[in-house]
Amino acid sequence: MDTVVLFERLGLAIAIGAIVGVERHWRERDEKPGQRTAGLRTFTLCGMLGGLSGAIELYLNSPGRHTGLVIAGFFGIFSAVLALFEMREAISLRRYSVTSTIVGMTTFALGVLAVIGSQPFAVAGGVTLVALLASRHALHTFMRILTWEELRSGIIFLAMIFVILPIIPGQRLKYFGGLSLSDIWTLVVLLTGISFTGYLALRIFGEKLGQILAGGLGGVISSTAVTLTNSRRSKQSSSCHDLVAGALAANSISLMKTLILTGFLSLPSAIRLAPVVVTAALILAIGSLFSARSTHNEPKFPTARSPFQLNEIFRLALLITAVTLAARVASVWLGHTGLISVAALSGLADTDAVIVSLAALPRQLEPDLAALVVGVAVLTNTVAKCGFSVVLGSRRFSQYFSLYSLTALFVGIFIYFILS
């Protein structure tokens, strides 16, 4: 290795140790000199020692062939000495923490990596280590307020994504409109994630802002799922305005997403739809803000004990799957000759599928026809969500949600015909 490059890498190892040392020293800055087992200088030397051991390893071995014996020897002696001094400090102060020992060993390892391994990875590791150490108070506070139900639900959610989803067959079922078991389970995961996000947003940001943020994020993925989830939750709470705010925010974001996707499909069609969609989205956004402001007039209700209820989520997933299946079967029967009918049926579940279907057509549609097809899908999707809110939600939720949604729909239709 070139001498200049070696100095650069060794300097990086020292810098990593220094930034770790700054955090460790700052935490014990009120201690008198000599009473800290490890501070700025010590951790800087830890990084430097790791870098030097890596440099010696390079010097004693041929390029590309490292036995690791030098590094292992330095690491073993270093870890033993560090652990001994940390143990003496723990006995003296009667506190039990192995953090500083682990941090010292990690700093040494990052110093080695900076010299003989990937520099970007070493830098990322150092910054991550410092960020983790600096988050001590926040992490401890988080663990104090975390409930068992939240922890259990989080573990279940992760298992649904990383354990169950990968092993579910993704083969398309010919007689079920091309759906697969993987599609259905992905929908379950999506609904669970929306419910979990709403719960966390409510806990962190409160009723007003929490539901709007959760709804907006959910609207990027599926406004139908957000509407169904909030409709179901409205029957379990004495308050509905915050849930209405979340559902309206989701639908407002969803409309803008539809406009953007249409622009990728056909820019003239998007320009044709822009006044209609933007106006409707603004009405829904205003309705969301008004609903959030109305929350203070309602009685406060306790936060749900569990972030999600799997039995309810499975029911919603089956409902959406049934609607999607019916729309796909109808699309097969009608073919591309009945684009308006297909858009109307597909819009019962989601508008994204309609845009994707238009993009897959063998020929380019006329801008006016493409705009009409997307508009019909949005219309049926809005009406369907109002129907879902009536069936699944409380009376007040369905009234407020339908009022704003249908107002946005009728205003949009009016503008469409005015501009035609």
Protein backbone atom coordinates (compact mmCIF):
# COMPACT_ATOMS: atom_id res chain seq x y z
CA MET A 1 0.00 0.00 0.00
CA ASP A 2 1.27 3.48 -0.87
CA THR A 3 2.59 5.49 2.10
CA VAL A 4 0.25 8.43 1.45
CA VAL A 5 -2.76 6.12 1.29
CA LEU A 6 -1.65 4.39 4.48
CA PHE A 7 -1.40 7.75 6.29
CA GLU A 8 -4.88 8.69 5.04
CA ARG A 9 -6.35 5.44 6.31
CA LEU A 10 -4.56 5.71 9.64
CA GLY A 11 -5.83 9.28 9.98
CA LEU A 12 -9.36 8.02 9.40
CA ALA A 13 -8.92 5.42 12.14
CA ILE A 14 -7.76 8.15 14.54
CA ALA A 15 -10.68 10.40 13.53
CA ILE A 16 -13.20 7.63 14.21
CA GLY A 17 -11.72 7.12 17.67
CA ALA A 18 -11.79 10.88 18.28
CA ILE A 19 -15.50 11.35 17.50
CA VAL A 20 -16.34 8.42 19.76
CA GLY A 21 -14.11 9.89 22.45
CA VAL A 22 -15.83 13.28 22.24
CA GLU A 23 -19.20 11.69 23.03
CA ARG A 24 -17.79 9.55 25.86
CA HIS A 25 -15.81 12.44 27.35
CA TRP A 26 -18.77 14.85 27.15
CA ARG A 27 -20.96 12.42 29.08
CA GLU A 28 -18.43 12.42 31.95
CA ARG A 29 -17.21 15.99 31.51
CA ASP A 30 -17.91 16.88 35.16
CA GLU A 31 -15.52 14.20 36.44
CA LYS A 32 -12.14 15.33 37.72
CA PRO A 33 -9.05 14.56 35.60
CA GLY A 34 -7.87 11.02 36.21
CA GLN A 35 -11.26 9.78 37.42
CA ARG A 36 -12.43 8.70 33.95
CA THR A 37 -11.36 5.27 32.79
CA ALA A 38 -11.77 6.30 29.16
CA GLY A 39 -12.31 9.71 27.60
CA LEU A 40 -11.35 11.65 24.50
CA ARG A 41 -7.67 10.66 24.47
CA THR A 42 -8.31 7.02 25.36
CA PHE A 43 -10.85 6.36 22.62
CA THR A 44 -8.73 8.27 20.10
CA LEU A 45 -5.89 5.92 20.99
CA CYS A 46 -8.27 2.95 20.66
CA GLY A 47 -8.96 3.89 17.06
CA MET A 48 -5.26 4.56 16.45
CA LEU A 49 -4.26 1.21 17.96
CA GLY A 50 -6.74 -0.58 15.72
CA GLY A 51 -5.36 1.25 12.70
CA LEU A 52 -1.74 0.46 13.64
CA SER A 53 -2.52 -3.22 14.14
CA GLY A 54 -4.09 -3.26 10.69
CA ALA A 55 -1.01 -1.52 9.24
CA ILE A 56 1.34 -4.04 10.88
CA GLU A 57 -0.83 -6.85 9.50
CA LEU A 58 -0.40 -5.38 6.02
CA TYR A 59 3.35 -5.00 6.48
CA LEU A 60 3.98 -8.56 7.70
CA ASN A 61 1.84 -10.30 5.07
CA SER A 62 1.79 -10.31 1.30
CA PRO A 63 -0.87 -8.17 -0.44
CA GLY A 64 -4.31 -9.77 -0.46
CA ARG A 65 -3.34 -12.49 2.04
CA HIS A 66 -3.89 -11.62 5.70
CA THR A 67 -3.64 -14.24 8.43
CA GLY A 68 -5.26 -11.98 11.01
CA LEU A 69 -2.90 -13.18 13.75
CA VAL A 70 -1.46 -9.73 14.43
CA ILE A 71 -4.89 -8.14 14.66
CA ALA A 72 -6.21 -10.97 16.85
CA GLY A 73 -3.23 -10.65 19.20
CA PHE A 74 -3.56 -6.89 19.57
CA PHE A 75 -7.32 -7.17 19.98
CA GLY A 76 -7.05 -9.84 22.69
CA ILE A 77 -4.52 -7.90 24.77
CA PHE A 78 -6.37 -4.61 24.27
CA SER A 79 -9.74 -6.11 25.27
CA ALA A 80 -8.30 -7.74 28.39
CA VAL A 81 -6.65 -4.51 29.58
CA LEU A 82 -9.73 -2.41 28.84
CA ALA A 83 -12.05 -4.88 30.59
CA LEU A 84 -9.77 -4.95 33.65
CA PHE A 85 -9.81 -1.18 34.08
CA GLU A 86 -13.56 -0.97 33.44
CA MET A 87 -14.13 -3.66 36.07
CA ARG A 88 -12.07 -1.75 38.63
CA GLU A 89 -14.07 1.41 37.88
CA ALA A 90 -17.36 -0.49 38.21
CA ILE A 91 -16.31 -1.90 41.59
CA SER A 92 -15.18 1.53 42.79
CA LEU A 93 -18.33 3.37 41.66
CA ARG A 94 -20.71 0.45 42.23
CA ARG A 95 -22.28 0.71 38.81
CA TYR A 96 -22.80 -2.06 36.32
CA SER A 97 -22.44 -1.19 32.66
CA VAL A 98 -20.45 -2.91 29.95
CA THR A 99 -21.11 -0.16 27.40
CA SER A 100 -17.68 1.50 27.56
CA THR A 101 -15.93 -1.85 27.17
CA ILE A 102 -17.98 -2.74 24.09
CA VAL A 103 -17.50 0.77 22.67
CA GLY A 104 -13.73 0.51 23.08
CA MET A 105 -13.63 -2.87 21.32
CA THR A 106 -15.87 -1.57 18.52
CA THR A 107 -13.68 1.53 18.07
CA PHE A 108 -10.62 -0.71 17.78
CA ALA A 109 -12.38 -2.86 15.16
CA LEU A 110 -13.44 0.21 13.16
CA GLY A 111 -9.85 1.45 13.24
CA VAL A 112 -8.70 -1.87 11.77
CA LEU A 113 -11.42 -1.69 9.13
CA ALA A 114 -10.40 1.85 8.16
CA VAL A 115 -6.86 0.65 7.33
CA ILE A 116 -7.35 -2.76 5.71
CA GLY A 117 -11.03 -2.71 4.75
CA SER A 118 -13.73 -0.43 3.39
CA GLN A 119 -13.29 3.22 4.37
CA PRO A 120 -16.93 4.22 3.70
CA PHE A 121 -18.12 1.30 5.81
CA ALA A 122 -15.75 2.28 8.63
CA VAL A 123 -16.99 5.89 8.54
CA ALA A 124 -20.62 4.75 8.50
CA GLY A 125 -19.93 2.43 11.42
CA GLY A 126 -18.28 5.21 13.42
CA VAL A 127 -21.11 7.68 12.84
CA THR A 128 -23.70 5.02 13.67
CA LEU A 129 -21.86 4.15 16.87
CA VAL A 130 -21.74 7.79 18.01
CA ALA A 131 -25.41 8.31 17.10
CA LEU A 132 -26.37 5.24 19.11
CA LEU A 133 -24.37 6.41 22.12
CA ALA A 134 -25.83 9.93 21.91
CA SER A 135 -29.36 8.47 21.83
CA ARG A 136 -29.02 6.95 25.27
CA HIS A 137 -31.60 9.18 26.95
CA ALA A 138 -34.08 8.88 24.08
CA LEU A 139 -33.73 5.09 23.98
CA HIS A 140 -34.17 4.75 27.74
CA THR A 141 -37.24 6.99 27.62
CA PHE A 142 -38.64 4.93 24.76
CA MET A 143 -38.20 1.71 26.74
CA ARG A 144 -39.94 3.24 29.76
CA ILE A 145 -43.05 4.25 27.82
CA LEU A 146 -43.16 1.13 25.61
CA THR A 147 -45.99 -1.20 26.64
CA TRP A 148 -46.02 -4.97 26.35
CA GLU A 149 -48.85 -4.84 23.80
CA GLU A 150 -46.81 -2.49 21.59
CA LEU A 151 -43.71 -4.67 21.83
CA ARG A 152 -45.69 -7.84 21.09
CA SER A 153 -47.47 -6.20 18.16
CA GLY A 154 -44.18 -4.96 16.74
CA ILE A 155 -42.68 -8.46 16.90
CA ILE A 156 -45.77 -9.93 15.21
CA PHE A 157 -45.61 -7.29 12.48
CA LEU A 158 -41.93 -8.02 11.79
CA ALA A 159 -42.68 -11.76 11.70
CA MET A 160 -45.47 -11.13 9.18
CA ILE A 161 -43.01 -9.31 6.89
CA PHE A 162 -39.74 -11.22 7.27
CA VAL A 163 -40.87 -14.72 8.28
CA ILE A 164 -44.28 -15.46 6.76
CA LEU A 165 -44.26 -13.33 3.58
CA PRO A 166 -41.09 -14.87 2.05
CA ILE A 167 -42.44 -18.44 2.35
CA ILE A 168 -45.92 -17.78 0.92
CA PRO A 169 -46.23 -19.00 -2.69
CA GLY A 170 -46.24 -16.22 -5.28
CA GLN A 171 -47.74 -18.35 -8.04
CA ARG A 172 -50.68 -16.70 -9.79
CA LEU A 173 -53.99 -18.53 -9.41
CA LYS A 174 -55.58 -18.87 -12.84
CA TYR A 175 -59.15 -19.12 -11.59
CA PHE A 176 -58.83 -16.22 -9.14
CA GLY A 177 -58.21 -13.36 -11.53
CA GLY A 178 -54.44 -13.79 -11.47
CA LEU A 179 -54.24 -13.13 -7.73
CA SER A 180 -51.74 -15.02 -5.61
CA LEU A 181 -51.57 -15.91 -1.93
CA SER A 182 -48.56 -13.60 -1.74
CA ASP A 183 -50.70 -10.70 -3.02
CA ILE A 184 -53.32 -11.35 -0.35
CA TRP A 185 -50.76 -11.59 2.45
CA THR A 186 -49.06 -8.41 1.20
CA LEU A 187 -52.43 -6.71 1.55
CA VAL A 188 -52.69 -8.00 5.13
CA VAL A 189 -49.22 -6.61 5.85
CA LEU A 190 -50.19 -3.29 4.25
CA LEU A 191 -53.33 -2.97 6.38
CA THR A 192 -51.39 -3.91 9.50
CA GLY A 193 -48.72 -1.33 8.70
CA ILE A 194 -51.30 1.40 8.18
CA SER A 195 -52.97 0.56 11.48
CA PHE A 196 -49.61 0.46 13.26
CA THR A 197 -48.50 3.76 11.71
CA GLY A 198 -51.74 5.42 12.77
CA TYR A 199 -51.35 4.13 16.32
CA LEU A 200 -47.76 5.34 16.61
CA ALA A 201 -48.55 8.72 15.08
CA LEU A 202 -51.41 9.10 17.55
CA ARG A 203 -49.12 8.27 20.47
CA ILE A 204 -46.32 10.57 19.34
CA PHE A 205 -48.09 13.58 17.81
CA GLY A 206 -51.52 13.47 19.46
CA GLU A 207 -54.99 13.14 17.98
CA LYS A 208 -54.96 16.09 15.57
CA LEU A 209 -51.59 15.94 13.87
CA GLY A 210 -51.10 12.20 14.36
CA GLN A 211 -54.03 11.07 12.25
CA ILE A 212 -53.28 13.56 9.46
CA LEU A 213 -49.67 12.41 9.20
CA ALA A 214 -50.62 8.74 9.35
CA GLY A 215 -53.35 9.25 6.76
CA GLY A 216 -51.05 11.17 4.43
CA LEU A 217 -48.41 8.45 4.58
CA GLY A 218 -51.01 5.74 4.10
CA GLY A 219 -52.51 7.59 1.14
CA VAL A 220 -49.27 7.20 -0.77
CA ILE A 221 -49.78 3.42 -0.60
CA SER A 222 -53.54 2.87 -0.48
CA SER A 223 -56.20 5.41 0.47
CA THR A 224 -58.81 2.64 0.32
CA ALA A 225 -56.99 0.70 3.03
CA VAL A 226 -56.70 3.83 5.20
CA THR A 227 -60.41 4.59 4.76
CA LEU A 228 -61.42 1.05 5.69
CA THR A 229 -59.07 1.00 8.69
CA ASN A 230 -60.31 4.34 10.05
CA SER A 231 -63.93 3.36 9.38
CA ARG A 232 -63.50 0.25 11.49
CA ARG A 233 -61.76 2.17 14.28
CA SER A 234 -64.53 4.79 14.38
CA LYS A 235 -66.92 2.20 15.82
CA GLN A 236 -64.51 1.55 18.68
CA SER A 237 -64.12 5.17 19.78
CA SER A 238 -66.34 8.02 20.92
CA SER A 239 -64.38 10.44 18.70
CA CYS A 240 -64.52 10.46 14.93
CA HIS A 241 -63.21 13.82 13.67
CA ASP A 242 -59.55 12.81 13.98
CA LEU A 243 -60.23 9.59 12.07
CA VAL A 244 -62.13 11.53 9.40
CA ALA A 245 -59.14 13.90 9.16
CA GLY A 246 -56.81 10.97 8.56
CA ALA A 247 -59.04 9.39 5.93
CA LEU A 248 -59.51 12.68 4.07
CA ALA A 249 -55.76 13.35 4.15
CA ALA A 250 -55.14 9.90 2.67
CA ASN A 251 -57.62 10.52 -0.14
CA SER A 252 -56.19 13.97 -0.87
CA ILE A 253 -52.68 12.55 -1.21
CA SER A 254 -54.03 9.64 -3.26
CA LEU A 255 -55.62 12.01 -5.77
CA MET A 256 -52.34 13.84 -6.28
CA LYS A 257 -50.56 10.50 -6.68
CA THR A 258 -53.11 9.49 -9.33
CA LEU A 259 -52.47 12.73 -11.20
CA ILE A 260 -48.71 12.16 -11.15
CA LEU A 261 -49.06 8.56 -12.35
CA THR A 262 -51.37 9.73 -15.13
CA GLY A 263 -48.72 12.24 -16.15
CA PHE A 264 -46.24 9.43 -16.66
CA LEU A 265 -48.82 7.60 -18.76
CA SER A 266 -49.99 10.58 -20.80
CA LEU A 267 -48.97 14.16 -20.07
CA PRO A 268 -51.85 15.68 -22.09
CA SER A 269 -54.32 13.56 -20.10
CA ALA A 270 -52.77 14.74 -16.82
CA ILE A 271 -53.02 18.37 -17.94
CA ARG A 272 -56.67 17.73 -18.82
CA LEU A 273 -57.34 16.28 -15.37
CA ALA A 274 -55.18 18.67 -13.34
CA PRO A 275 -57.83 21.35 -12.57
CA VAL A 276 -60.32 18.67 -11.53
CA VAL A 277 -57.97 16.59 -9.41
CA VAL A 278 -56.16 19.49 -7.75
CA THR A 279 -59.45 21.17 -6.79
CA ALA A 280 -60.85 17.94 -5.34
CA ALA A 281 -57.61 17.28 -3.46
CA LEU A 282 -57.68 20.79 -1.98
CA ILE A 283 -61.27 20.32 -0.81
CA LEU A 284 -60.31 17.06 0.90
CA ALA A 285 -57.23 18.67 2.45
CA ILE A 286 -59.31 21.56 3.80
CA GLY A 287 -61.84 19.06 5.14
CA SER A 288 -59.02 17.18 6.84
CA LEU A 289 -57.78 20.35 8.57
CA PHE A 290 -61.29 21.36 9.65
CA SER A 291 -61.94 17.87 11.01
CA ALA A 292 -58.68 17.96 12.95
CA ARG A 293 -59.59 21.35 14.45
CA SER A 294 -62.97 19.97 15.51
CA THR A 295 -61.31 17.27 17.61
CA HIS A 296 -61.06 19.51 20.69
CA ASN A 297 -64.87 19.73 20.86
CA GLU A 298 -65.17 15.96 21.25
CA PRO A 299 -64.69 13.92 24.41
CA LYS A 300 -61.22 12.48 24.79
CA PHE A 301 -60.97 8.73 24.39
CA PRO A 302 -58.27 6.38 25.60
CA THR A 303 -55.67 5.25 23.07
CA ALA A 304 -56.29 1.75 21.80
CA ARG A 305 -54.53 -0.86 23.88
CA SER A 306 -53.20 -2.67 20.82
CA PRO A 307 -51.75 -1.13 17.63
CA PHE A 308 -53.80 -3.52 15.51
CA GLN A 309 -56.34 -6.34 15.73
CA LEU A 310 -55.54 -9.17 13.36
CA ASN A 311 -59.09 -10.51 13.12
CA GLU A 312 -60.37 -7.15 11.89
CA ILE A 313 -57.44 -6.78 9.50
CA PHE A 314 -58.11 -10.21 7.99
CA ARG A 315 -61.74 -9.23 7.41
CA LEU A 316 -60.73 -6.01 5.65
CA ALA A 317 -58.17 -7.88 3.55
CA LEU A 318 -60.79 -10.41 2.46
CA LEU A 319 -63.19 -7.61 1.56
CA ILE A 320 -60.64 -5.79 -0.61
CA THR A 321 -59.54 -9.09 -2.17
CA ALA A 322 -63.13 -9.95 -3.06
CA VAL A 323 -63.70 -6.55 -4.69
CA THR A 324 -60.39 -6.77 -6.57
CA LEU A 325 -61.18 -10.30 -7.74
CA ALA A 326 -64.61 -9.25 -8.99
CA ALA A 327 -63.09 -6.32 -10.88
CA ARG A 328 -60.42 -8.50 -12.50
CA VAL A 329 -62.91 -11.16 -13.55
CA ALA A 330 -65.13 -8.48 -15.07
CA SER A 331 -62.12 -7.02 -16.88
CA VAL A 332 -61.39 -10.42 -18.43
CA TRP A 333 -64.97 -10.72 -19.66
CA LEU A 334 -65.18 -7.18 -21.02
CA GLY A 335 -61.65 -6.93 -22.40
CA HIS A 336 -60.19 -3.62 -23.54
CA THR A 337 -63.29 -2.85 -25.60
CA GLY A 338 -65.13 -1.80 -22.48
CA LEU A 339 -62.47 0.45 -20.95
CA ILE A 340 -64.97 2.68 -19.15
CA SER A 341 -66.75 -0.31 -17.60
CA VAL A 342 -63.45 -1.90 -16.62
CA ALA A 343 -62.27 1.38 -15.04
CA ALA A 344 -65.51 1.68 -13.10
CA LEU A 345 -65.22 -1.86 -11.74
CA SER A 346 -61.48 -1.67 -11.01
CA GLY A 347 -61.96 1.65 -9.26
CA LEU A 348 -64.01 -0.10 -6.60
CA ALA A 349 -60.75 -1.32 -5.08
CA ASP A 350 -58.07 1.11 -6.26
CA THR A 351 -57.23 3.57 -9.02
CA ASP A 352 -53.60 2.55 -9.47
CA ALA A 353 -54.58 -0.71 -11.18
CA VAL A 354 -56.51 1.23 -13.82
CA ILE A 355 -53.51 3.41 -14.69
CA VAL A 356 -51.22 0.38 -14.86
CA SER A 357 -53.72 -1.37 -17.14
CA LEU A 358 -53.83 1.65 -19.46
CA ALA A 359 -50.05 1.69 -19.65
CA ALA A 360 -50.10 -1.98 -20.71
CA LEU A 361 -52.41 -1.38 -23.68
CA PRO A 362 -50.82 -2.13 -27.06
CA ARG A 363 -51.75 1.27 -28.50
CA GLN A 364 -51.70 4.84 -27.18
CA LEU A 365 -55.09 6.16 -26.07
CA GLU A 366 -56.45 9.53 -27.02
CA PRO A 367 -55.74 12.02 -24.18
CA ASP A 368 -59.44 12.78 -23.67
CA LEU A 369 -60.33 9.07 -23.49
CA ALA A 370 -57.48 8.30 -21.08
CA ALA A 371 -58.52 11.23 -18.87
CA LEU A 372 -62.12 10.00 -18.90
CA VAL A 373 -61.09 6.45 -17.96
CA VAL A 374 -58.99 7.68 -15.01
CA GLY A 375 -61.77 10.06 -13.96
CA VAL A 376 -64.35 7.25 -13.93
CA ALA A 377 -62.01 5.12 -11.81
CA VAL A 378 -61.61 7.97 -9.31
CA LEU A 379 -65.37 8.52 -9.26
CA THR A 380 -66.24 4.89 -8.51
CA ASN A 381 -63.40 4.64 -6.00
CA THR A 382 -64.72 7.68 -4.12
CA VAL A 383 -68.28 6.36 -4.11
CA ALA A 384 -67.07 2.92 -3.02
CA LYS A 385 -65.12 4.40 -0.10
CA CYS A 386 -68.19 6.33 0.99
CA GLY A 387 -70.11 3.05 0.89
CA PHE A 388 -67.40 1.29 2.90
CA SER A 389 -67.56 4.05 5.51
CA VAL A 390 -71.32 3.58 5.85
CA VAL A 391 -71.06 -0.20 6.21
CA LEU A 392 -67.95 -0.39 8.40
CA GLY A 393 -67.86 2.95 10.22
CA SER A 394 -69.92 4.77 12.79
CA ARG A 395 -72.78 6.97 11.65
CA ARG A 396 -70.96 10.23 12.42
CA PHE A 397 -67.78 9.08 10.68
CA SER A 398 -69.63 8.09 7.51
CA GLN A 399 -71.60 11.35 7.52
CA TYR A 400 -68.57 13.64 7.77
CA PHE A 401 -66.39 11.56 5.47
CA SER A 402 -69.08 11.25 2.81
CA LEU A 403 -69.93 14.96 3.05
CA TYR A 404 -66.40 16.11 2.21
CA SER A 405 -65.72 13.29 -0.28
CA LEU A 406 -68.92 13.76 -2.26
CA THR A 407 -68.50 17.54 -2.21
CA ALA A 408 -65.03 17.14 -3.72
CA LEU A 409 -66.44 14.67 -6.24
CA PHE A 410 -69.33 16.88 -7.39
CA VAL A 411 -67.13 19.97 -7.63
CA GLY A 412 -64.62 17.97 -9.66
CA ILE A 413 -67.34 16.71 -12.03
CA PHE A 414 -68.67 20.26 -12.42
CA ILE A 415 -65.22 21.59 -13.33
CA TYR A 416 -64.68 18.69 -15.75
CA PHE A 417 -67.84 19.48 -17.70
CA ILE A 418 -67.19 23.23 -17.59
CA LEU A 419 -63.79 22.71 -19.19
CA SER A 420 -65.03 20.13 -21.72
